[in-house]
Amino acid sequence: PVDSIARVWAIGFWIVYLGFGWIYLSQAMAP
């Protein structure tokens, strides 16, 4: 079921995942 809790968790997951992913990408591209 896609209830309000699932939506909150999905939003929270993507915020943290993409936020840290952006930081990680800059590190991986460095020499």
PDB file of all heavy atoms in Angstrom:
ATOM      1  N   PRO A   1       0.822  -1.211   0.000  1.00  0.00           N
ATOM      2  CA  PRO A   1       0.000   0.000   0.000  1.00  0.00           C
ATOM      3  C   PRO A   1       0.854   1.258   0.000  1.00  0.00           C
ATOM      4  O   PRO A   1       1.906   1.312   0.627  1.00  0.00           O
ATOM      5  CB  PRO A   1      -0.785  -0.125   1.316  1.00  0.00           C
ATOM      6  CG  PRO A   1       0.064  -0.996   2.185  1.00  0.00           C
ATOM      7  CD  PRO A   1       0.740  -1.958   1.255  1.00  0.00           C
ATOM      8  N   VAL A   2       0.410   2.256  -0.747  1.00  0.00           N
ATOM      9  CA  VAL A   2       1.117   3.530  -0.799  1.00  0.00           C
ATOM     10  C   VAL A   2       0.366   4.498   0.097  1.00  0.00           C
ATOM     11  O   VAL A   2      -0.520   5.227  -0.333  1.00  0.00           O
ATOM     12  CB  VAL A   2       1.203   4.064  -2.243  1.00  0.00           C
ATOM     13  CG1 VAL A   2       2.001   5.357  -2.296  1.00  0.00           C
ATOM     14  CG2 VAL A   2       1.817   3.022  -3.153  1.00  0.00           C
ATOM     15  N   ASP A   3       0.675   4.474   1.399  1.00  0.00           N
ATOM     16  CA  ASP A   3      -0.009   5.353   2.336  1.00  0.00           C
ATOM     17  C   ASP A   3       0.862   6.575   2.607  1.00  0.00           C
ATOM     18  O   ASP A   3       1.935   6.738   2.043  1.00  0.00           O
ATOM     19  CB  ASP A   3      -0.347   4.619   3.639  1.00  0.00           C
ATOM     20  CG  ASP A   3       0.879   3.953   4.264  1.00  0.00           C
ATOM     21  OD1 ASP A   3       2.005   4.415   3.996  1.00  0.00           O
ATOM     22  OD2 ASP A   3       0.712   2.981   5.017  1.00  0.00           O
ATOM     23  N   SER A   4       0.424   7.426   3.501  1.00  0.00           N
ATOM     24  CA  SER A   4       1.138   8.669   3.753  1.00  0.00           C
ATOM     25  C   SER A   4       2.529   8.414   4.345  1.00  0.00           C
ATOM     26  O   SER A   4       3.474   9.122   4.037  1.00  0.00           O
ATOM     27  CB  SER A   4       0.329   9.566   4.701  1.00  0.00           C
ATOM     28  OG  SER A   4       0.087   8.875   5.932  1.00  0.00           O
ATOM     29  N   ILE A   5       2.646   7.363   5.163  1.00  0.00           N
ATOM     30  CA  ILE A   5       3.950   7.051   5.751  1.00  0.00           C
ATOM     31  C   ILE A   5       4.919   6.615   4.658  1.00  0.00           C
ATOM     32  O   ILE A   5       6.069   7.046   4.630  1.00  0.00           O
ATOM     33  CB  ILE A   5       3.817   5.954   6.828  1.00  0.00           C
ATOM     34  CG1 ILE A   5       2.940   6.451   7.975  1.00  0.00           C
ATOM     35  CG2 ILE A   5       5.185   5.538   7.337  1.00  0.00           C
ATOM     36  CD1 ILE A   5       2.682   5.419   9.042  1.00  0.00           C
ATOM     37  N   ALA A   6       4.444   5.802   3.708  1.00  0.00           N
ATOM     38  CA  ALA A   6       5.301   5.351   2.617  1.00  0.00           C
ATOM     39  C   ALA A   6       5.773   6.539   1.793  1.00  0.00           C
ATOM     40  O   ALA A   6       6.927   6.592   1.368  1.00  0.00           O
ATOM     41  CB  ALA A   6       4.563   4.353   1.739  1.00  0.00           C
ATOM     42  N   ARG A   7       4.893   7.513   1.544  1.00  0.00           N
ATOM     43  CA  ARG A   7       5.280   8.683   0.763  1.00  0.00           C
ATOM     44  C   ARG A   7       6.341   9.499   1.512  1.00  0.00           C
ATOM     45  O   ARG A   7       7.301   9.977   0.913  1.00  0.00           O
ATOM     46  CB  ARG A   7       4.057   9.557   0.473  1.00  0.00           C
ATOM     47  CG  ARG A   7       3.086   8.937  -0.514  1.00  0.00           C
ATOM     48  CD  ARG A   7       1.928   9.874  -0.789  1.00  0.00           C
ATOM     49  NE  ARG A   7       0.914   9.223  -1.594  1.00  0.00           N
ATOM     50  CZ  ARG A   7       0.951   9.120  -2.921  1.00  0.00           C
ATOM     51  NH1 ARG A   7       1.979   9.636  -3.575  1.00  0.00           N
ATOM     52  NH2 ARG A   7      -0.014   8.517  -3.571  1.00  0.00           N
ATOM     53  N   VAL A   8       6.146   9.650   2.814  1.00  0.00           N
ATOM     54  CA  VAL A   8       7.123  10.395   3.614  1.00  0.00           C
ATOM     55  C   VAL A   8       8.484   9.718   3.554  1.00  0.00           C
ATOM     56  O   VAL A   8       9.520  10.366   3.391  1.00  0.00           O
ATOM     57  CB  VAL A   8       6.633  10.529   5.072  1.00  0.00           C
ATOM     58  CG1 VAL A   8       7.759  11.015   5.976  1.00  0.00           C
ATOM     59  CG2 VAL A   8       5.445  11.468   5.150  1.00  0.00           C
ATOM     60  N   TRP A   9       8.481   8.395   3.682  1.00  0.00           N
ATOM     61  CA  TRP A   9       9.748   7.670   3.634  1.00  0.00           C
ATOM     62  C   TRP A   9      10.385   7.763   2.255  1.00  0.00           C
ATOM     63  O   TRP A   9      11.604   7.884   2.135  1.00  0.00           O
ATOM     64  CB  TRP A   9       9.528   6.207   4.017  1.00  0.00           C
ATOM     65  CG  TRP A   9       9.606   6.004   5.487  1.00  0.00           C
ATOM     66  CD1 TRP A   9       8.576   5.927   6.373  1.00  0.00           C
ATOM     67  CD2 TRP A   9      10.800   5.891   6.274  1.00  0.00           C
ATOM     68  NE1 TRP A   9       9.045   5.766   7.651  1.00  0.00           N
ATOM     69  CE2 TRP A   9      10.408   5.736   7.616  1.00  0.00           C
ATOM     70  CE3 TRP A   9      12.153   5.896   5.967  1.00  0.00           C
ATOM     71  CZ2 TRP A   9      11.320   5.598   8.651  1.00  0.00           C
ATOM     72  CZ3 TRP A   9      13.072   5.747   6.987  1.00  0.00           C
ATOM     73  CH2 TRP A   9      12.650   5.601   8.316  1.00  0.00           C
ATOM     74  N   ALA A  10       9.563   7.711   1.210  1.00  0.00           N
ATOM     75  CA  ALA A  10      10.110   7.824  -0.144  1.00  0.00           C
ATOM     76  C   ALA A  10      10.756   9.193  -0.350  1.00  0.00           C
ATOM     77  O   ALA A  10      11.870   9.298  -0.882  1.00  0.00           O
ATOM     78  CB  ALA A  10       9.009   7.601  -1.173  1.00  0.00           C
ATOM     79  N   ILE A  11      10.072  10.242   0.091  1.00  0.00           N
ATOM     80  CA  ILE A  11      10.626  11.588  -0.053  1.00  0.00           C
ATOM     81  C   ILE A  11      11.908  11.725   0.756  1.00  0.00           C
ATOM     82  O   ILE A  11      12.925  12.236   0.271  1.00  0.00           O
ATOM     83  CB  ILE A  11       9.584  12.639   0.391  1.00  0.00           C
ATOM     84  CG1 ILE A  11       8.405  12.645  -0.592  1.00  0.00           C
ATOM     85  CG2 ILE A  11      10.223  14.024   0.470  1.00  0.00           C
ATOM     86  CD1 ILE A  11       7.218  13.475  -0.116  1.00  0.00           C
ATOM     87  N   GLY A  12      11.865  11.257   2.000  1.00  0.00           N
ATOM     88  CA  GLY A  12      13.056  11.335   2.847  1.00  0.00           C
ATOM     89  C   GLY A  12      14.224  10.566   2.264  1.00  0.00           C
ATOM     90  O   GLY A  12      15.368  11.024   2.296  1.00  0.00           O
ATOM     91  N   PHE A  13      13.931   9.371   1.723  1.00  0.00           N
ATOM     92  CA  PHE A  13      14.996   8.560   1.129  1.00  0.00           C
ATOM     93  C   PHE A  13      15.674   9.319  -0.009  1.00  0.00           C
ATOM     94  O   PHE A  13      16.911   9.404  -0.058  1.00  0.00           O
ATOM     95  CB  PHE A  13      14.434   7.239   0.605  1.00  0.00           C
ATOM     96  CG  PHE A  13      15.433   6.420  -0.161  1.00  0.00           C
ATOM     97  CD1 PHE A  13      16.306   5.572   0.491  1.00  0.00           C
ATOM     98  CD2 PHE A  13      15.519   6.520  -1.550  1.00  0.00           C
ATOM     99  CE1 PHE A  13      17.247   4.828  -0.210  1.00  0.00           C
ATOM    100  CE2 PHE A  13      16.462   5.787  -2.262  1.00  0.00           C
ATOM    101  CZ  PHE A  13      17.318   4.941  -1.588  1.00  0.00           C
ATOM    102  N   TRP A  14      14.893   9.872  -0.919  1.00  0.00           N
ATOM    103  CA  TRP A  14      15.477  10.530  -2.083  1.00  0.00           C
ATOM    104  C   TRP A  14      16.224  11.804  -1.711  1.00  0.00           C
ATOM    105  O   TRP A  14      17.233  12.144  -2.332  1.00  0.00           O
ATOM    106  CB  TRP A  14      14.398  10.811  -3.128  1.00  0.00           C
ATOM    107  CG  TRP A  14      13.978   9.561  -3.841  1.00  0.00           C
ATOM    108  CD1 TRP A  14      12.784   8.905  -3.731  1.00  0.00           C
ATOM    109  CD2 TRP A  14      14.768   8.791  -4.747  1.00  0.00           C
ATOM    110  NE1 TRP A  14      12.770   7.773  -4.504  1.00  0.00           N
ATOM    111  CE2 TRP A  14      13.979   7.679  -5.142  1.00  0.00           C
ATOM    112  CE3 TRP A  14      16.058   8.916  -5.258  1.00  0.00           C
ATOM    113  CZ2 TRP A  14      14.457   6.722  -6.034  1.00  0.00           C
ATOM    114  CZ3 TRP A  14      16.517   7.955  -6.144  1.00  0.00           C
ATOM    115  CH2 TRP A  14      15.723   6.873  -6.529  1.00  0.00           C
ATOM    116  N   ILE A  15      15.753  12.506  -0.693  1.00  0.00           N
ATOM    117  CA  ILE A  15      16.463  13.712  -0.257  1.00  0.00           C
ATOM    118  C   ILE A  15      17.866  13.354   0.237  1.00  0.00           C
ATOM    119  O   ILE A  15      18.869  13.959  -0.163  1.00  0.00           O
ATOM    120  CB  ILE A  15      15.674  14.457   0.841  1.00  0.00           C
ATOM    121  CG1 ILE A  15      14.424  15.113   0.236  1.00  0.00           C
ATOM    122  CG2 ILE A  15      16.546  15.510   1.524  1.00  0.00           C
ATOM    123  CD1 ILE A  15      13.498  15.730   1.268  1.00  0.00           C
ATOM    124  N   VAL A  16      17.947  12.355   1.112  1.00  0.00           N
ATOM    125  CA  VAL A  16      19.246  11.961   1.666  1.00  0.00           C
ATOM    126  C   VAL A  16      20.108  11.306   0.589  1.00  0.00           C
ATOM    127  O   VAL A  16      21.308  11.612   0.455  1.00  0.00           O
ATOM    128  CB  VAL A  16      19.064  11.010   2.868  1.00  0.00           C
ATOM    129  CG1 VAL A  16      20.416  10.521   3.390  1.00  0.00           C
ATOM    130  CG2 VAL A  16      18.287  11.699   3.976  1.00  0.00           C
ATOM    131  N   TYR A  17      19.516  10.427  -0.192  1.00  0.00           N
ATOM    132  CA  TYR A  17      20.262   9.698  -1.224  1.00  0.00           C
ATOM    133  C   TYR A  17      20.855  10.656  -2.254  1.00  0.00           C
ATOM    134  O   TYR A  17      22.044  10.583  -2.577  1.00  0.00           O
ATOM    135  CB  TYR A  17      19.325   8.699  -1.897  1.00  0.00           C
ATOM    136  CG  TYR A  17      19.925   7.922  -3.042  1.00  0.00           C
ATOM    137  CD1 TYR A  17      20.762   6.835  -2.816  1.00  0.00           C
ATOM    138  CD2 TYR A  17      19.631   8.263  -4.373  1.00  0.00           C
ATOM    139  CE1 TYR A  17      21.301   6.114  -3.871  1.00  0.00           C
ATOM    140  CE2 TYR A  17      20.162   7.549  -5.433  1.00  0.00           C
ATOM    141  CZ  TYR A  17      20.995   6.478  -5.179  1.00  0.00           C
ATOM    142  OH  TYR A  17      21.534   5.767  -6.233  1.00  0.00           O
ATOM    143  N   LEU A  18      20.053  11.573  -2.755  1.00  0.00           N
ATOM    144  CA  LEU A  18      20.546  12.498  -3.775  1.00  0.00           C
ATOM    145  C   LEU A  18      21.478  13.557  -3.179  1.00  0.00           C
ATOM    146  O   LEU A  18      22.439  13.981  -3.831  1.00  0.00           O
ATOM    147  CB  LEU A  18      19.364  13.168  -4.489  1.00  0.00           C
ATOM    148  CG  LEU A  18      18.494  12.224  -5.322  1.00  0.00           C
ATOM    149  CD1 LEU A  18      17.307  12.978  -5.920  1.00  0.00           C
ATOM    150  CD2 LEU A  18      19.305  11.561  -6.435  1.00  0.00           C
ATOM    151  N   GLY A  19      21.202  13.974  -1.936  1.00  0.00           N
ATOM    152  CA  GLY A  19      22.069  14.957  -1.293  1.00  0.00           C
ATOM    153  C   GLY A  19      23.470  14.428  -1.086  1.00  0.00           C
ATOM    154  O   GLY A  19      24.468  15.063  -1.485  1.00  0.00           O
ATOM    155  N   PHE A  20      23.569  13.244  -0.470  1.00  0.00           N
ATOM    156  CA  PHE A  20      24.890  12.648  -0.276  1.00  0.00           C
ATOM    157  C   PHE A  20      25.488  12.204  -1.614  1.00  0.00           C
ATOM    158  O   PHE A  20      26.702  12.251  -1.807  1.00  0.00           O
ATOM    159  CB  PHE A  20      24.810  11.474   0.693  1.00  0.00           C
ATOM    160  CG  PHE A  20      24.922  11.875   2.139  1.00  0.00           C
ATOM    161  CD1 PHE A  20      23.812  12.354   2.821  1.00  0.00           C
ATOM    162  CD2 PHE A  20      26.129  11.790   2.813  1.00  0.00           C
ATOM    163  CE1 PHE A  20      23.904  12.735   4.159  1.00  0.00           C
ATOM    164  CE2 PHE A  20      26.238  12.172   4.142  1.00  0.00           C
ATOM    165  CZ  PHE A  20      25.122  12.653   4.812  1.00  0.00           C
ATOM    166  N   GLY A  21      24.625  11.761  -2.529  1.00  0.00           N
ATOM    167  CA  GLY A  21      25.115  11.354  -3.843  1.00  0.00           C
ATOM    168  C   GLY A  21      25.798  12.493  -4.579  1.00  0.00           C
ATOM    169  O   GLY A  21      26.806  12.294  -5.265  1.00  0.00           O
ATOM    170  N   TRP A  22      25.278  13.702  -4.427  1.00  0.00           N
ATOM    171  CA  TRP A  22      25.887  14.880  -5.048  1.00  0.00           C
ATOM    172  C   TRP A  22      27.277  15.137  -4.460  1.00  0.00           C
ATOM    173  O   TRP A  22      28.228  15.431  -5.194  1.00  0.00           O
ATOM    174  CB  TRP A  22      24.976  16.080  -4.836  1.00  0.00           C
ATOM    175  CG  TRP A  22      25.449  17.360  -5.460  1.00  0.00           C
ATOM    176  CD1 TRP A  22      25.958  18.450  -4.823  1.00  0.00           C
ATOM    177  CD2 TRP A  22      25.457  17.682  -6.856  1.00  0.00           C
ATOM    178  NE1 TRP A  22      26.284  19.438  -5.728  1.00  0.00           N
ATOM    179  CE2 TRP A  22      25.986  18.992  -6.992  1.00  0.00           C
ATOM    180  CE3 TRP A  22      25.075  16.993  -8.009  1.00  0.00           C
ATOM    181  CZ2 TRP A  22      26.136  19.616  -8.222  1.00  0.00           C
ATOM    182  CZ3 TRP A  22      25.218  17.624  -9.234  1.00  0.00           C
ATOM    183  CH2 TRP A  22      25.742  18.908  -9.333  1.00  0.00           C
ATOM    184  N   ILE A  23      27.383  15.013  -3.146  1.00  0.00           N
ATOM    185  CA  ILE A  23      28.696  15.175  -2.497  1.00  0.00           C
ATOM    186  C   ILE A  23      29.655  14.080  -2.972  1.00  0.00           C
ATOM    187  O   ILE A  23      30.813  14.347  -3.319  1.00  0.00           O
ATOM    188  CB  ILE A  23      28.549  15.126  -0.963  1.00  0.00           C
ATOM    189  CG1 ILE A  23      27.688  16.290  -0.460  1.00  0.00           C
ATOM    190  CG2 ILE A  23      29.919  15.143  -0.281  1.00  0.00           C
ATOM    191  CD1 ILE A  23      27.314  16.189   1.010  1.00  0.00           C
ATOM    192  N   TYR A  24      29.164  12.850  -2.998  1.00  0.00           N
ATOM    193  CA  TYR A  24      30.007  11.733  -3.403  1.00  0.00           C
ATOM    194  C   TYR A  24      30.479  11.872  -4.855  1.00  0.00           C
ATOM    195  O   TYR A  24      31.617  11.525  -5.183  1.00  0.00           O
ATOM    196  CB  TYR A  24      29.256  10.415  -3.237  1.00  0.00           C
ATOM    197  CG  TYR A  24      28.955  10.019  -1.807  1.00  0.00           C
ATOM    198  CD1 TYR A  24      27.969   9.070  -1.522  1.00  0.00           C
ATOM    199  CD2 TYR A  24      29.645  10.570  -0.735  1.00  0.00           C
ATOM    200  CE1 TYR A  24      27.696   8.686  -0.218  1.00  0.00           C
ATOM    201  CE2 TYR A  24      29.375  10.202   0.568  1.00  0.00           C
ATOM    202  CZ  TYR A  24      28.396   9.257   0.823  1.00  0.00           C
ATOM    203  OH  TYR A  24      28.122   8.886   2.115  1.00  0.00           O
ATOM    204  N   LEU A  25      29.601  12.367  -5.725  1.00  0.00           N
ATOM    205  CA  LEU A  25      29.968  12.512  -7.133  1.00  0.00           C
ATOM    206  C   LEU A  25      31.156  13.453  -7.289  1.00  0.00           C
ATOM    207  O   LEU A  25      32.085  13.177  -8.057  1.00  0.00           O
ATOM    208  CB  LEU A  25      28.778  13.038  -7.935  1.00  0.00           C
ATOM    209  CG  LEU A  25      29.027  13.324  -9.424  1.00  0.00           C
ATOM    210  CD1 LEU A  25      29.444  12.055 -10.153  1.00  0.00           C
ATOM    211  CD2 LEU A  25      27.782  13.931 -10.071  1.00  0.00           C
ATOM    212  N   SER A  26      31.158  14.545  -6.538  1.00  0.00           N
ATOM    213  CA  SER A  26      32.264  15.495  -6.638  1.00  0.00           C
ATOM    214  C   SER A  26      33.572  14.862  -6.189  1.00  0.00           C
ATOM    215  O   SER A  26      34.649  15.164  -6.726  1.00  0.00           O
ATOM    216  CB  SER A  26      31.971  16.743  -5.799  1.00  0.00           C
ATOM    217  OG  SER A  26      32.030  16.450  -4.404  1.00  0.00           O
ATOM    218  N   GLN A  27      33.497  13.967  -5.206  1.00  0.00           N
ATOM    219  CA  GLN A  27      34.701  13.295  -4.724  1.00  0.00           C
ATOM    220  C   GLN A  27      35.204  12.270  -5.729  1.00  0.00           C
ATOM    221  O   GLN A  27      36.400  12.150  -5.976  1.00  0.00           O
ATOM    222  CB  GLN A  27      34.413  12.608  -3.390  1.00  0.00           C
ATOM    223  CG  GLN A  27      33.991  13.555  -2.290  1.00  0.00           C
ATOM    224  CD  GLN A  27      35.102  14.497  -1.885  1.00  0.00           C
ATOM    225  OE1 GLN A  27      36.211  14.068  -1.580  1.00  0.00           O
ATOM    226  NE2 GLN A  27      34.820  15.782  -1.887  1.00  0.00           N
ATOM    227  N   ALA A  28      34.275  11.515  -6.332  1.00  0.00           N
ATOM    228  CA  ALA A  28      34.669  10.473  -7.273  1.00  0.00           C
ATOM    229  C   ALA A  28      35.297  11.054  -8.534  1.00  0.00           C
ATOM    230  O   ALA A  28      36.155  10.425  -9.156  1.00  0.00           O
ATOM    231  CB  ALA A  28      33.449   9.620  -7.635  1.00  0.00           C
ATOM    232  N   MET A  29      34.878  12.263  -8.917  1.00  0.00           N
ATOM    233  CA  MET A  29      35.404  12.889 -10.130  1.00  0.00           C
ATOM    234  C   MET A  29      36.754  13.557  -9.913  1.00  0.00           C
ATOM    235  O   MET A  29      37.412  13.952 -10.877  1.00  0.00           O
ATOM    236  CB  MET A  29      34.395  13.921 -10.653  1.00  0.00           C
ATOM    237  CG  MET A  29      33.141  13.305 -11.252  1.00  0.00           C
ATOM    238  SD  MET A  29      31.924  14.560 -11.720  1.00  0.00           S
ATOM    239  CE  MET A  29      32.836  15.467 -12.967  1.00  0.00           C
ATOM    240  N   ALA A  30      37.167  13.704  -8.661  1.00  0.00           N
ATOM    241  CA  ALA A  30      38.457  14.340  -8.375  1.00  0.00           C
ATOM    242  C   ALA A  30      39.612  13.429  -8.792  1.00  0.00           C
ATOM    243  O   ALA A  30      39.438  12.217  -8.937  1.00  0.00           O
ATOM    244  CB  ALA A  30      38.555  14.668  -6.882  1.00  0.00           C
ATOM    245  N   PRO A  31      40.822  13.968  -8.986  1.00  0.00           N
ATOM    246  CA  PRO A  31      41.975  13.125  -9.312  1.00  0.00           C
ATOM    247  C   PRO A  31      42.193  12.046  -8.253  1.00  0.00           C
ATOM    248  O   PRO A  31      41.955  12.265  -7.065  1.00  0.00           O
ATOM    249  CB  PRO A  31      43.138  14.129  -9.339  1.00  0.00           C
ATOM    250  CG  PRO A  31      42.499  15.439  -9.671  1.00  0.00           C
ATOM    251  CD  PRO A  31      41.162  15.406  -8.996  1.00  0.00           C
TER     252      PRO A  31
END
